[in-house]
Amino acid sequence: MNISGILSVSDIKYYIEEVSTKSPEIIGLVIFILLSVDVFFSVPTVFLVTSAGYLLGFKWGLIASVGGMFISGLTARILCTIFGKKILKLVLGDDRKISEVHRLFNRFGPGVLLISRALPMLPEATCCMAGINRMPWSKFIVYYLAGTLPYAAVLVYLGSISSKDNPYPALTGIIGMYILLWSVWYFLIYKKEKKN
């Protein structure tokens, strides 16, 4: 969205500040909608989820954040169940590459869904792969929520205890969370695949 000029990070900050004077329902709806469209337009999830905690408090910030991210993941899963194989064929072309993608997802898919929040756009890409590979719905929902709920809970909580005068709980928590997720990614998936 930033590259297209439709919406930049500074625009989102401006709108969050503007909307902060509105009712909690409006704020929650705006955050929910922005996170829901993340599958189509990359939005700053960390900033939005932390802002949800800051603006709405823990309970309602968590509901708006998880609800939006869940809709985004479901949308990616549904669209790629329908159109994913054609898109994968168009992008990769080579049947061997497609088989390798399927092999990797079948091996690491649940784990990647759990830690997909470690990198931008990885959650949506992983949800797409779940659709292409026809991962069972129950398994998809359990793993996706198991990775999304703790991530959202920590960020919303850090946002709820932060303020304009003291943004450090959110900043240090975000850095700590990414270090943890990247470490898990490295040791459980990247390093394991390198050995094989």
N, C-alpha and C. Protein backbone atom coordinates (compact mmCIF):
# COMPACT_ATOMS: atom_id res chain seq x y z
N MET A 1 0.83 -1.20 0.00
CA MET A 1 0.00 0.00 0.00
C MET A 1 0.87 1.26 0.00
N ASN A 2 2.02 1.18 0.69
CA ASN A 2 2.92 2.33 0.73
C ASN A 2 3.50 2.61 -0.65
N ILE A 3 3.92 1.55 -1.36
CA ILE A 3 4.49 1.70 -2.70
C ILE A 3 3.46 2.24 -3.66
N SER A 4 2.22 1.78 -3.55
CA SER A 4 1.16 2.23 -4.47
C SER A 4 0.75 3.67 -4.21
N GLY A 5 1.08 4.17 -3.03
CA GLY A 5 0.69 5.54 -2.69
C GLY A 5 -0.71 5.66 -2.12
N ILE A 6 -1.40 4.52 -2.02
CA ILE A 6 -2.77 4.54 -1.49
C ILE A 6 -2.77 4.89 -0.01
N LEU A 7 -1.84 4.28 0.73
CA LEU A 7 -1.81 4.46 2.17
C LEU A 7 -0.39 4.21 2.66
N SER A 8 0.20 5.19 3.34
CA SER A 8 1.55 5.03 3.87
C SER A 8 1.49 4.80 5.37
N VAL A 9 2.63 4.43 5.95
CA VAL A 9 2.69 4.23 7.40
C VAL A 9 2.36 5.54 8.12
N SER A 10 2.86 6.66 7.60
CA SER A 10 2.55 7.95 8.24
C SER A 10 1.06 8.27 8.14
N ASP A 11 0.42 7.87 7.02
CA ASP A 11 -1.03 8.04 6.90
C ASP A 11 -1.76 7.25 7.98
N ILE A 12 -1.31 6.00 8.17
CA ILE A 12 -1.96 5.15 9.16
C ILE A 12 -1.78 5.75 10.55
N LYS A 13 -0.57 6.26 10.85
CA LYS A 13 -0.34 6.91 12.15
C LYS A 13 -1.29 8.10 12.32
N TYR A 14 -1.42 8.87 11.25
CA TYR A 14 -2.31 10.04 11.29
C TYR A 14 -3.75 9.61 11.55
N TYR A 15 -4.20 8.58 10.82
CA TYR A 15 -5.58 8.11 10.98
C TYR A 15 -5.81 7.52 12.37
N ILE A 16 -4.79 6.81 12.90
CA ILE A 16 -4.92 6.25 14.25
C ILE A 16 -5.07 7.39 15.26
N GLU A 17 -4.28 8.45 15.10
CA GLU A 17 -4.39 9.60 16.01
C GLU A 17 -5.76 10.27 15.87
N GLU A 18 -6.23 10.39 14.62
CA GLU A 18 -7.54 10.99 14.39
C GLU A 18 -8.65 10.15 14.98
N VAL A 19 -8.55 8.83 14.74
CA VAL A 19 -9.61 7.94 15.18
C VAL A 19 -9.60 7.77 16.70
N SER A 20 -8.45 8.07 17.34
CA SER A 20 -8.36 7.90 18.80
C SER A 20 -9.33 8.81 19.55
N THR A 21 -9.83 9.83 18.86
CA THR A 21 -10.83 10.70 19.48
C THR A 21 -12.25 10.16 19.31
N LYS A 22 -12.38 9.10 18.52
CA LYS A 22 -13.69 8.51 18.25
C LYS A 22 -14.04 7.47 19.33
N SER A 23 -15.21 6.89 19.16
CA SER A 23 -15.66 5.89 20.11
C SER A 23 -14.83 4.61 19.97
N PRO A 24 -14.73 3.81 21.03
CA PRO A 24 -13.98 2.55 20.95
C PRO A 24 -14.49 1.61 19.87
N GLU A 25 -15.79 1.65 19.61
CA GLU A 25 -16.36 0.78 18.57
C GLU A 25 -15.79 1.13 17.20
N ILE A 26 -15.71 2.43 16.92
CA ILE A 26 -15.16 2.88 15.63
C ILE A 26 -13.68 2.51 15.53
N ILE A 27 -12.94 2.74 16.60
CA ILE A 27 -11.51 2.40 16.60
C ILE A 27 -11.32 0.90 16.35
N GLY A 28 -12.08 0.09 17.08
CA GLY A 28 -11.99 -1.37 16.90
C GLY A 28 -12.33 -1.79 15.49
N LEU A 29 -13.35 -1.18 14.91
CA LEU A 29 -13.76 -1.52 13.55
C LEU A 29 -12.68 -1.15 12.54
N VAL A 30 -12.06 0.02 12.71
CA VAL A 30 -11.00 0.45 11.79
C VAL A 30 -9.81 -0.52 11.87
N ILE A 31 -9.41 -0.87 13.07
CA ILE A 31 -8.28 -1.80 13.24
C ILE A 31 -8.63 -3.16 12.66
N PHE A 32 -9.85 -3.63 12.94
CA PHE A 32 -10.31 -4.92 12.40
C PHE A 32 -10.27 -4.92 10.87
N ILE A 33 -10.77 -3.86 10.25
CA ILE A 33 -10.82 -3.79 8.78
C ILE A 33 -9.41 -3.74 8.20
N LEU A 34 -8.54 -2.91 8.77
CA LEU A 34 -7.17 -2.81 8.26
C LEU A 34 -6.45 -4.15 8.34
N LEU A 35 -6.61 -4.86 9.44
CA LEU A 35 -5.96 -6.17 9.57
C LEU A 35 -6.61 -7.21 8.66
N SER A 36 -7.91 -7.08 8.40
CA SER A 36 -8.61 -8.02 7.53
C SER A 36 -8.14 -7.94 6.09
N VAL A 37 -7.76 -6.74 5.63
CA VAL A 37 -7.35 -6.58 4.24
C VAL A 37 -5.86 -6.81 4.05
N ASP A 38 -5.17 -7.25 5.11
CA ASP A 38 -3.73 -7.50 5.02
C ASP A 38 -3.39 -8.53 3.96
N VAL A 39 -4.30 -9.40 3.64
CA VAL A 39 -4.06 -10.40 2.61
C VAL A 39 -3.94 -9.77 1.22
N PHE A 40 -4.57 -8.62 1.02
CA PHE A 40 -4.52 -7.93 -0.27
C PHE A 40 -3.50 -6.80 -0.30
N PHE A 41 -3.39 -6.08 0.81
CA PHE A 41 -2.48 -4.94 0.93
C PHE A 41 -1.70 -5.11 2.22
N SER A 42 -0.39 -5.15 2.11
CA SER A 42 0.42 -5.33 3.31
C SER A 42 0.30 -4.11 4.21
N VAL A 43 -0.15 -4.35 5.43
CA VAL A 43 -0.30 -3.27 6.41
C VAL A 43 0.66 -3.53 7.57
N PRO A 44 1.04 -2.50 8.31
CA PRO A 44 1.98 -2.69 9.43
C PRO A 44 1.29 -3.35 10.63
N THR A 45 1.23 -4.67 10.59
CA THR A 45 0.50 -5.44 11.59
C THR A 45 0.98 -5.14 13.01
N VAL A 46 2.29 -5.12 13.21
CA VAL A 46 2.84 -4.88 14.55
C VAL A 46 2.33 -3.55 15.10
N PHE A 47 2.40 -2.52 14.27
CA PHE A 47 1.95 -1.19 14.69
C PHE A 47 0.46 -1.19 15.01
N LEU A 48 -0.34 -1.82 14.15
CA LEU A 48 -1.80 -1.82 14.35
C LEU A 48 -2.20 -2.60 15.60
N VAL A 49 -1.58 -3.76 15.80
CA VAL A 49 -1.94 -4.58 16.96
C VAL A 49 -1.52 -3.89 18.26
N THR A 50 -0.33 -3.30 18.25
CA THR A 50 0.12 -2.56 19.44
C THR A 50 -0.78 -1.35 19.69
N SER A 51 -1.15 -0.66 18.62
CA SER A 51 -2.06 0.49 18.74
C SER A 51 -3.42 0.07 19.26
N ALA A 52 -3.86 -1.13 18.88
CA ALA A 52 -5.15 -1.63 19.38
C ALA A 52 -5.13 -1.72 20.90
N GLY A 53 -4.02 -2.22 21.44
CA GLY A 53 -3.90 -2.29 22.89
C GLY A 53 -3.86 -0.91 23.53
N TYR A 54 -3.12 -0.02 22.91
CA TYR A 54 -3.00 1.34 23.42
C TYR A 54 -4.33 2.08 23.41
N LEU A 55 -5.08 1.94 22.32
CA LEU A 55 -6.33 2.69 22.14
C LEU A 55 -7.55 2.02 22.76
N LEU A 56 -7.56 0.70 22.81
CA LEU A 56 -8.77 -0.02 23.24
C LEU A 56 -8.62 -0.77 24.56
N GLY A 57 -7.39 -0.90 25.03
CA GLY A 57 -7.18 -1.74 26.19
C GLY A 57 -7.00 -3.19 25.76
N PHE A 58 -6.64 -4.03 26.71
CA PHE A 58 -6.27 -5.40 26.36
C PHE A 58 -7.41 -6.21 25.73
N LYS A 59 -8.56 -6.27 26.40
CA LYS A 59 -9.66 -7.14 25.95
C LYS A 59 -10.14 -6.79 24.55
N TRP A 60 -10.54 -5.55 24.34
CA TRP A 60 -11.11 -5.17 23.04
C TRP A 60 -10.03 -5.04 21.97
N GLY A 61 -8.83 -4.67 22.37
CA GLY A 61 -7.72 -4.64 21.42
C GLY A 61 -7.41 -6.03 20.90
N LEU A 62 -7.45 -7.02 21.79
CA LEU A 62 -7.19 -8.40 21.39
C LEU A 62 -8.29 -8.92 20.47
N ILE A 63 -9.52 -8.62 20.78
CA ILE A 63 -10.65 -9.08 19.94
C ILE A 63 -10.55 -8.48 18.54
N ALA A 64 -10.32 -7.17 18.45
CA ALA A 64 -10.23 -6.52 17.13
C ALA A 64 -9.03 -7.05 16.34
N SER A 65 -7.90 -7.23 17.01
CA SER A 65 -6.68 -7.68 16.33
C SER A 65 -6.78 -9.12 15.85
N VAL A 66 -7.14 -10.01 16.75
CA VAL A 66 -7.23 -11.43 16.37
C VAL A 66 -8.34 -11.63 15.34
N GLY A 67 -9.45 -10.92 15.51
CA GLY A 67 -10.53 -11.03 14.53
C GLY A 67 -10.08 -10.62 13.13
N GLY A 68 -9.38 -9.49 13.03
CA GLY A 68 -8.91 -9.02 11.73
C GLY A 68 -7.89 -9.96 11.12
N MET A 69 -6.92 -10.41 11.93
CA MET A 69 -5.89 -11.33 11.40
C MET A 69 -6.50 -12.67 11.01
N PHE A 70 -7.51 -13.11 11.76
CA PHE A 70 -8.16 -14.38 11.44
C PHE A 70 -8.91 -14.30 10.11
N ILE A 71 -9.61 -13.18 9.89
CA ILE A 71 -10.32 -13.00 8.61
C ILE A 71 -9.33 -12.95 7.46
N SER A 72 -8.20 -12.28 7.65
CA SER A 72 -7.17 -12.22 6.62
C SER A 72 -6.65 -13.61 6.29
N GLY A 73 -6.35 -14.40 7.32
CA GLY A 73 -5.87 -15.77 7.11
C GLY A 73 -6.90 -16.66 6.44
N LEU A 74 -8.16 -16.55 6.87
CA LEU A 74 -9.23 -17.34 6.24
C LEU A 74 -9.41 -16.96 4.77
N THR A 75 -9.35 -15.66 4.49
CA THR A 75 -9.50 -15.20 3.10
C THR A 75 -8.39 -15.77 2.22
N ALA A 76 -7.14 -15.72 2.72
CA ALA A 76 -6.01 -16.28 1.96
C ALA A 76 -6.21 -17.77 1.74
N ARG A 77 -6.62 -18.46 2.79
CA ARG A 77 -6.83 -19.92 2.71
C ARG A 77 -7.91 -20.27 1.69
N ILE A 78 -9.03 -19.56 1.73
CA ILE A 78 -10.14 -19.84 0.82
C ILE A 78 -9.76 -19.53 -0.63
N LEU A 79 -9.18 -18.35 -0.86
CA LEU A 79 -8.81 -17.96 -2.23
C LEU A 79 -7.81 -18.92 -2.83
N CYS A 80 -6.85 -19.37 -2.04
CA CYS A 80 -5.83 -20.27 -2.58
C CYS A 80 -6.31 -21.71 -2.68
N THR A 81 -7.34 -22.06 -1.93
CA THR A 81 -7.96 -23.37 -2.15
C THR A 81 -8.60 -23.39 -3.53
N ILE A 82 -9.18 -22.27 -3.92
CA ILE A 82 -9.86 -22.17 -5.22
C ILE A 82 -8.89 -21.92 -6.37
N PHE A 83 -8.01 -20.92 -6.22
CA PHE A 83 -7.18 -20.47 -7.33
C PHE A 83 -5.69 -20.77 -7.18
N GLY A 84 -5.27 -21.28 -6.04
CA GLY A 84 -3.85 -21.40 -5.71
C GLY A 84 -3.04 -22.26 -6.65
N LYS A 85 -3.55 -23.40 -7.05
CA LYS A 85 -2.77 -24.30 -7.91
C LYS A 85 -2.47 -23.65 -9.26
N LYS A 86 -3.44 -22.92 -9.80
CA LYS A 86 -3.22 -22.23 -11.07
C LYS A 86 -2.16 -21.14 -10.92
N ILE A 87 -2.23 -20.41 -9.82
CA ILE A 87 -1.27 -19.33 -9.57
C ILE A 87 0.13 -19.91 -9.37
N LEU A 88 0.23 -20.99 -8.60
CA LEU A 88 1.52 -21.63 -8.36
C LEU A 88 2.12 -22.13 -9.67
N LYS A 89 1.30 -22.71 -10.52
CA LYS A 89 1.76 -23.18 -11.83
C LYS A 89 2.24 -22.01 -12.67
N LEU A 90 1.52 -20.91 -12.62
CA LEU A 90 1.89 -19.71 -13.38
C LEU A 90 3.20 -19.11 -12.87
N VAL A 91 3.37 -19.06 -11.55
CA VAL A 91 4.56 -18.44 -10.95
C VAL A 91 5.78 -19.34 -11.09
N LEU A 92 5.64 -20.62 -10.75
CA LEU A 92 6.79 -21.53 -10.76
C LEU A 92 6.98 -22.26 -12.08
N GLY A 93 5.88 -22.63 -12.71
CA GLY A 93 5.94 -23.30 -14.01
C GLY A 93 6.44 -24.73 -13.94
N ASP A 94 7.58 -24.94 -13.38
CA ASP A 94 8.25 -26.23 -13.34
C ASP A 94 7.58 -27.16 -12.33
N ASP A 95 7.19 -28.36 -12.78
CA ASP A 95 6.53 -29.32 -11.90
C ASP A 95 7.43 -29.76 -10.75
N ARG A 96 8.75 -29.83 -10.98
CA ARG A 96 9.67 -30.21 -9.90
C ARG A 96 9.68 -29.17 -8.79
N LYS A 97 9.66 -27.89 -9.16
CA LYS A 97 9.63 -26.82 -8.16
C LYS A 97 8.32 -26.86 -7.38
N ILE A 98 7.23 -27.12 -8.09
CA ILE A 98 5.92 -27.21 -7.43
C ILE A 98 5.90 -28.38 -6.45
N SER A 99 6.46 -29.52 -6.86
CA SER A 99 6.54 -30.68 -5.97
C SER A 99 7.38 -30.38 -4.74
N GLU A 100 8.47 -29.62 -4.93
CA GLU A 100 9.33 -29.25 -3.80
C GLU A 100 8.59 -28.33 -2.83
N VAL A 101 7.81 -27.39 -3.37
CA VAL A 101 7.02 -26.50 -2.52
C VAL A 101 6.02 -27.31 -1.70
N HIS A 102 5.35 -28.27 -2.35
CA HIS A 102 4.40 -29.12 -1.63
C HIS A 102 5.10 -29.96 -0.56
N ARG A 103 6.26 -30.49 -0.91
CA ARG A 103 7.02 -31.31 0.05
C ARG A 103 7.40 -30.49 1.28
N LEU A 104 7.91 -29.29 1.03
CA LEU A 104 8.32 -28.43 2.15
C LEU A 104 7.13 -28.04 3.02
N PHE A 105 6.01 -27.72 2.38
CA PHE A 105 4.85 -27.35 3.19
C PHE A 105 4.32 -28.53 3.99
N ASN A 106 4.27 -29.71 3.36
CA ASN A 106 3.78 -30.88 4.08
C ASN A 106 4.68 -31.22 5.26
N ARG A 107 5.97 -30.91 5.13
CA ARG A 107 6.91 -31.19 6.22
C ARG A 107 6.87 -30.12 7.30
N PHE A 108 6.82 -28.86 6.90
CA PHE A 108 6.96 -27.76 7.84
C PHE A 108 5.70 -26.91 8.02
N GLY A 109 4.64 -27.19 7.28
CA GLY A 109 3.45 -26.35 7.30
C GLY A 109 2.91 -26.00 8.67
N PRO A 110 2.64 -26.99 9.53
CA PRO A 110 2.13 -26.66 10.86
C PRO A 110 3.09 -25.78 11.66
N GLY A 111 4.38 -26.10 11.59
CA GLY A 111 5.37 -25.29 12.30
C GLY A 111 5.45 -23.88 11.78
N VAL A 112 5.36 -23.74 10.47
CA VAL A 112 5.43 -22.40 9.86
C VAL A 112 4.19 -21.59 10.24
N LEU A 113 3.03 -22.23 10.27
CA LEU A 113 1.83 -21.52 10.71
C LEU A 113 1.98 -21.01 12.14
N LEU A 114 2.65 -21.79 12.98
CA LEU A 114 2.85 -21.39 14.38
C LEU A 114 3.76 -20.18 14.51
N ILE A 115 4.81 -20.10 13.69
CA ILE A 115 5.78 -19.01 13.85
C ILE A 115 5.80 -18.06 12.66
N SER A 116 4.74 -18.07 11.87
CA SER A 116 4.71 -17.26 10.65
C SER A 116 4.73 -15.76 10.92
N ARG A 117 4.40 -15.35 12.13
CA ARG A 117 4.42 -13.91 12.46
C ARG A 117 5.83 -13.35 12.55
N ALA A 118 6.84 -14.22 12.39
CA ALA A 118 8.24 -13.77 12.48
C ALA A 118 8.63 -12.87 11.31
N LEU A 119 7.96 -13.00 10.19
CA LEU A 119 8.31 -12.23 9.00
C LEU A 119 7.08 -11.60 8.38
N PRO A 120 7.21 -10.40 7.83
CA PRO A 120 6.07 -9.78 7.14
C PRO A 120 5.62 -10.63 5.96
N MET A 121 4.35 -10.69 5.74
CA MET A 121 3.69 -11.39 4.64
C MET A 121 3.78 -12.91 4.72
N LEU A 122 4.57 -13.45 5.64
CA LEU A 122 4.66 -14.90 5.79
C LEU A 122 3.35 -15.52 6.26
N PRO A 123 2.60 -14.88 7.18
CA PRO A 123 1.33 -15.49 7.58
C PRO A 123 0.38 -15.70 6.41
N GLU A 124 0.25 -14.69 5.56
CA GLU A 124 -0.65 -14.80 4.41
C GLU A 124 -0.15 -15.85 3.41
N ALA A 125 1.18 -15.85 3.17
CA ALA A 125 1.75 -16.84 2.25
C ALA A 125 1.54 -18.26 2.78
N THR A 126 1.70 -18.44 4.08
CA THR A 126 1.52 -19.76 4.68
C THR A 126 0.06 -20.19 4.62
N CYS A 127 -0.85 -19.24 4.84
CA CYS A 127 -2.28 -19.55 4.71
C CYS A 127 -2.62 -19.94 3.27
N CYS A 128 -1.98 -19.27 2.32
CA CYS A 128 -2.18 -19.63 0.90
C CYS A 128 -1.70 -21.05 0.64
N MET A 129 -0.52 -21.38 1.18
CA MET A 129 0.00 -22.73 0.98
C MET A 129 -0.89 -23.78 1.65
N ALA A 130 -1.49 -23.42 2.78
CA ALA A 130 -2.42 -24.34 3.43
C ALA A 130 -3.62 -24.61 2.52
N GLY A 131 -4.07 -23.57 1.81
CA GLY A 131 -5.17 -23.74 0.86
C GLY A 131 -4.78 -24.58 -0.34
N ILE A 132 -3.61 -24.28 -0.90
CA ILE A 132 -3.13 -25.02 -2.08
C ILE A 132 -2.94 -26.50 -1.74
N ASN A 133 -2.41 -26.77 -0.54
CA ASN A 133 -2.14 -28.16 -0.12
C ASN A 133 -3.33 -28.84 0.53
N ARG A 134 -4.47 -28.12 0.60
CA ARG A 134 -5.70 -28.67 1.18
C ARG A 134 -5.49 -29.19 2.60
N MET A 135 -4.76 -28.40 3.39
CA MET A 135 -4.61 -28.75 4.80
C MET A 135 -6.00 -28.83 5.42
N PRO A 136 -6.29 -29.84 6.23
CA PRO A 136 -7.62 -29.92 6.86
C PRO A 136 -7.95 -28.64 7.62
N TRP A 137 -9.21 -28.22 7.51
CA TRP A 137 -9.64 -26.96 8.12
C TRP A 137 -9.36 -26.92 9.62
N SER A 138 -9.68 -28.00 10.31
CA SER A 138 -9.50 -28.01 11.77
C SER A 138 -8.03 -27.81 12.12
N LYS A 139 -7.16 -28.49 11.41
CA LYS A 139 -5.72 -28.37 11.65
C LYS A 139 -5.23 -26.96 11.34
N PHE A 140 -5.70 -26.42 10.22
CA PHE A 140 -5.32 -25.06 9.83
C PHE A 140 -5.72 -24.04 10.90
N ILE A 141 -6.96 -24.11 11.34
CA ILE A 141 -7.46 -23.14 12.31
C ILE A 141 -6.71 -23.26 13.64
N VAL A 142 -6.46 -24.48 14.10
CA VAL A 142 -5.76 -24.67 15.37
C VAL A 142 -4.34 -24.10 15.29
N TYR A 143 -3.59 -24.44 14.24
CA TYR A 143 -2.21 -23.97 14.13
C TYR A 143 -2.13 -22.47 13.88
N TYR A 144 -3.03 -21.96 13.05
CA TYR A 144 -3.00 -20.52 12.76
C TYR A 144 -3.31 -19.71 14.01
N LEU A 145 -4.34 -20.11 14.74
CA LEU A 145 -4.69 -19.39 15.97
C LEU A 145 -3.63 -19.60 17.06
N ALA A 146 -3.02 -20.78 17.10
CA ALA A 146 -1.97 -21.03 18.10
C ALA A 146 -0.76 -20.14 17.86
N GLY A 147 -0.53 -19.73 16.62
CA GLY A 147 0.56 -18.80 16.33
C GLY A 147 0.14 -17.34 16.44
N THR A 148 -1.12 -17.05 16.15
CA THR A 148 -1.61 -15.67 16.11
C THR A 148 -2.02 -15.16 17.49
N LEU A 149 -2.69 -15.97 18.28
CA LEU A 149 -3.19 -15.53 19.58
C LEU A 149 -2.09 -15.05 20.54
N PRO A 150 -1.02 -15.84 20.74
CA PRO A 150 0.02 -15.36 21.66
C PRO A 150 0.71 -14.09 21.14
N TYR A 151 0.96 -14.06 19.85
CA TYR A 151 1.57 -12.88 19.21
C TYR A 151 0.72 -11.64 19.47
N ALA A 152 -0.58 -11.76 19.19
CA ALA A 152 -1.48 -10.62 19.39
C ALA A 152 -1.60 -10.27 20.87
N ALA A 153 -1.70 -11.28 21.73
CA ALA A 153 -1.86 -11.01 23.16
C ALA A 153 -0.67 -10.23 23.72
N VAL A 154 0.53 -10.62 23.33
CA VAL A 154 1.73 -9.93 23.83
C VAL A 154 1.76 -8.49 23.32
N LEU A 155 1.52 -8.30 22.01
CA LEU A 155 1.58 -6.95 21.45
C LEU A 155 0.47 -6.05 21.99
N VAL A 156 -0.73 -6.58 22.10
CA VAL A 156 -1.85 -5.79 22.63
C VAL A 156 -1.56 -5.41 24.08
N TYR A 157 -1.07 -6.36 24.85
CA TYR A 157 -0.74 -6.06 26.25
C TYR A 157 0.32 -4.97 26.34
N LEU A 158 1.37 -5.10 25.53
CA LEU A 158 2.44 -4.08 25.55
C LEU A 158 1.91 -2.72 25.14
N GLY A 159 1.00 -2.71 24.16
CA GLY A 159 0.37 -1.44 23.78
C GLY A 159 -0.48 -0.88 24.89
N SER A 160 -1.16 -1.75 25.62
CA SER A 160 -2.06 -1.28 26.68
C SER A 160 -1.32 -0.69 27.87
N ILE A 161 -0.06 -1.11 28.10
CA ILE A 161 0.70 -0.57 29.23
C ILE A 161 1.66 0.54 28.79
N SER A 162 1.65 0.87 27.51
CA SER A 162 2.51 1.94 26.99
C SER A 162 1.73 3.24 26.92
N SER A 163 2.47 4.32 26.77
CA SER A 163 1.85 5.62 26.62
C SER A 163 2.73 6.47 25.70
N LYS A 164 2.25 7.64 25.33
CA LYS A 164 3.06 8.53 24.50
C LYS A 164 4.33 8.92 25.23
N ASP A 165 4.24 9.08 26.53
CA ASP A 165 5.41 9.46 27.32
C ASP A 165 6.33 8.28 27.60
N ASN A 166 5.77 7.06 27.58
CA ASN A 166 6.57 5.86 27.87
C ASN A 166 6.25 4.76 26.86
N PRO A 167 6.82 4.86 25.63
CA PRO A 167 6.56 3.84 24.61
C PRO A 167 7.47 2.62 24.74
N TYR A 168 8.35 2.63 25.75
CA TYR A 168 9.39 1.59 25.83
C TYR A 168 8.87 0.17 26.08
N PRO A 169 7.80 -0.04 26.84
CA PRO A 169 7.32 -1.42 26.96
C PRO A 169 6.97 -2.02 25.60
N ALA A 170 6.30 -1.25 24.75
CA ALA A 170 5.94 -1.75 23.43
C ALA A 170 7.18 -1.96 22.57
N LEU A 171 8.09 -1.01 22.56
CA LEU A 171 9.28 -1.11 21.71
C LEU A 171 10.17 -2.28 22.11
N THR A 172 10.46 -2.41 23.39
CA THR A 172 11.32 -3.52 23.83
C THR A 172 10.62 -4.86 23.66
N GLY A 173 9.32 -4.89 23.89
CA GLY A 173 8.57 -6.14 23.71
C GLY A 173 8.53 -6.60 22.27
N ILE A 174 8.36 -5.65 21.36
CA ILE A 174 8.33 -5.99 19.94
C ILE A 174 9.68 -6.56 19.50
N ILE A 175 10.75 -5.90 19.91
CA ILE A 175 12.09 -6.39 19.56
C ILE A 175 12.31 -7.79 20.15
N GLY A 176 11.94 -7.96 21.41
CA GLY A 176 12.10 -9.26 22.06
C GLY A 176 11.29 -10.35 21.37
N MET A 177 10.06 -10.02 20.97
CA MET A 177 9.22 -11.01 20.30
C MET A 177 9.84 -11.45 18.98
N TYR A 178 10.34 -10.49 18.21
CA TYR A 178 10.93 -10.85 16.93
C TYR A 178 12.21 -11.66 17.09
N ILE A 179 13.01 -11.34 18.09
CA ILE A 179 14.21 -12.14 18.35
C ILE A 179 13.81 -13.57 18.68
N LEU A 180 12.79 -13.74 19.50
CA LEU A 180 12.31 -15.07 19.86
C LEU A 180 11.79 -15.83 18.63
N LEU A 181 10.92 -15.18 17.84
CA LEU A 181 10.34 -15.84 16.67
C LEU A 181 11.41 -16.19 15.63
N TRP A 182 12.35 -15.28 15.40
CA TRP A 182 13.43 -15.56 14.44
C TRP A 182 14.32 -16.69 14.92
N SER A 183 14.56 -16.75 16.22
CA SER A 183 15.38 -17.83 16.78
C SER A 183 14.68 -19.18 16.59
N VAL A 184 13.39 -19.22 16.89
CA VAL A 184 12.62 -20.45 16.70
C VAL A 184 12.63 -20.84 15.23
N TRP A 185 12.42 -19.86 14.36
CA TRP A 185 12.44 -20.10 12.91
C TRP A 185 13.78 -20.71 12.50
N TYR A 186 14.85 -20.12 12.97
CA TYR A 186 16.19 -20.58 12.58
C TYR A 186 16.45 -22.01 13.05
N PHE A 187 16.20 -22.28 14.32
CA PHE A 187 16.57 -23.57 14.87
C PHE A 187 15.61 -24.70 14.50
N LEU A 188 14.32 -24.40 14.38
CA LEU A 188 13.37 -25.47 14.10
C LEU A 188 13.16 -25.74 12.62
N ILE A 189 13.32 -24.72 11.79
CA ILE A 189 13.00 -24.92 10.38
C ILE A 189 14.21 -24.74 9.48
N TYR A 190 14.81 -23.58 9.50
CA TYR A 190 15.92 -23.28 8.56
C TYR A 190 17.09 -24.24 8.80
N LYS A 191 17.55 -24.34 10.04
CA LYS A 191 18.70 -25.18 10.36
C LYS A 191 18.37 -26.65 10.11
N LYS A 192 17.17 -27.07 10.45
CA LYS A 192 16.75 -28.46 10.24
C LYS A 192 16.74 -28.82 8.77
N GLU A 193 16.26 -27.91 7.93
CA GLU A 193 16.22 -28.15 6.49
C GLU A 193 17.63 -28.17 5.91
N LYS A 194 18.53 -27.35 6.43
CA LYS A 194 19.91 -27.31 5.94
C LYS A 194 20.62 -28.64 6.20
N LYS A 195 20.27 -29.30 7.31
CA LYS A 195 20.92 -30.58 7.65
C LYS A 195 20.53 -31.68 6.68
N ASN A 196 19.32 -31.58 6.12
CA ASN A 196 18.79 -32.67 5.26
C ASN A 196 19.17 -32.50 3.80
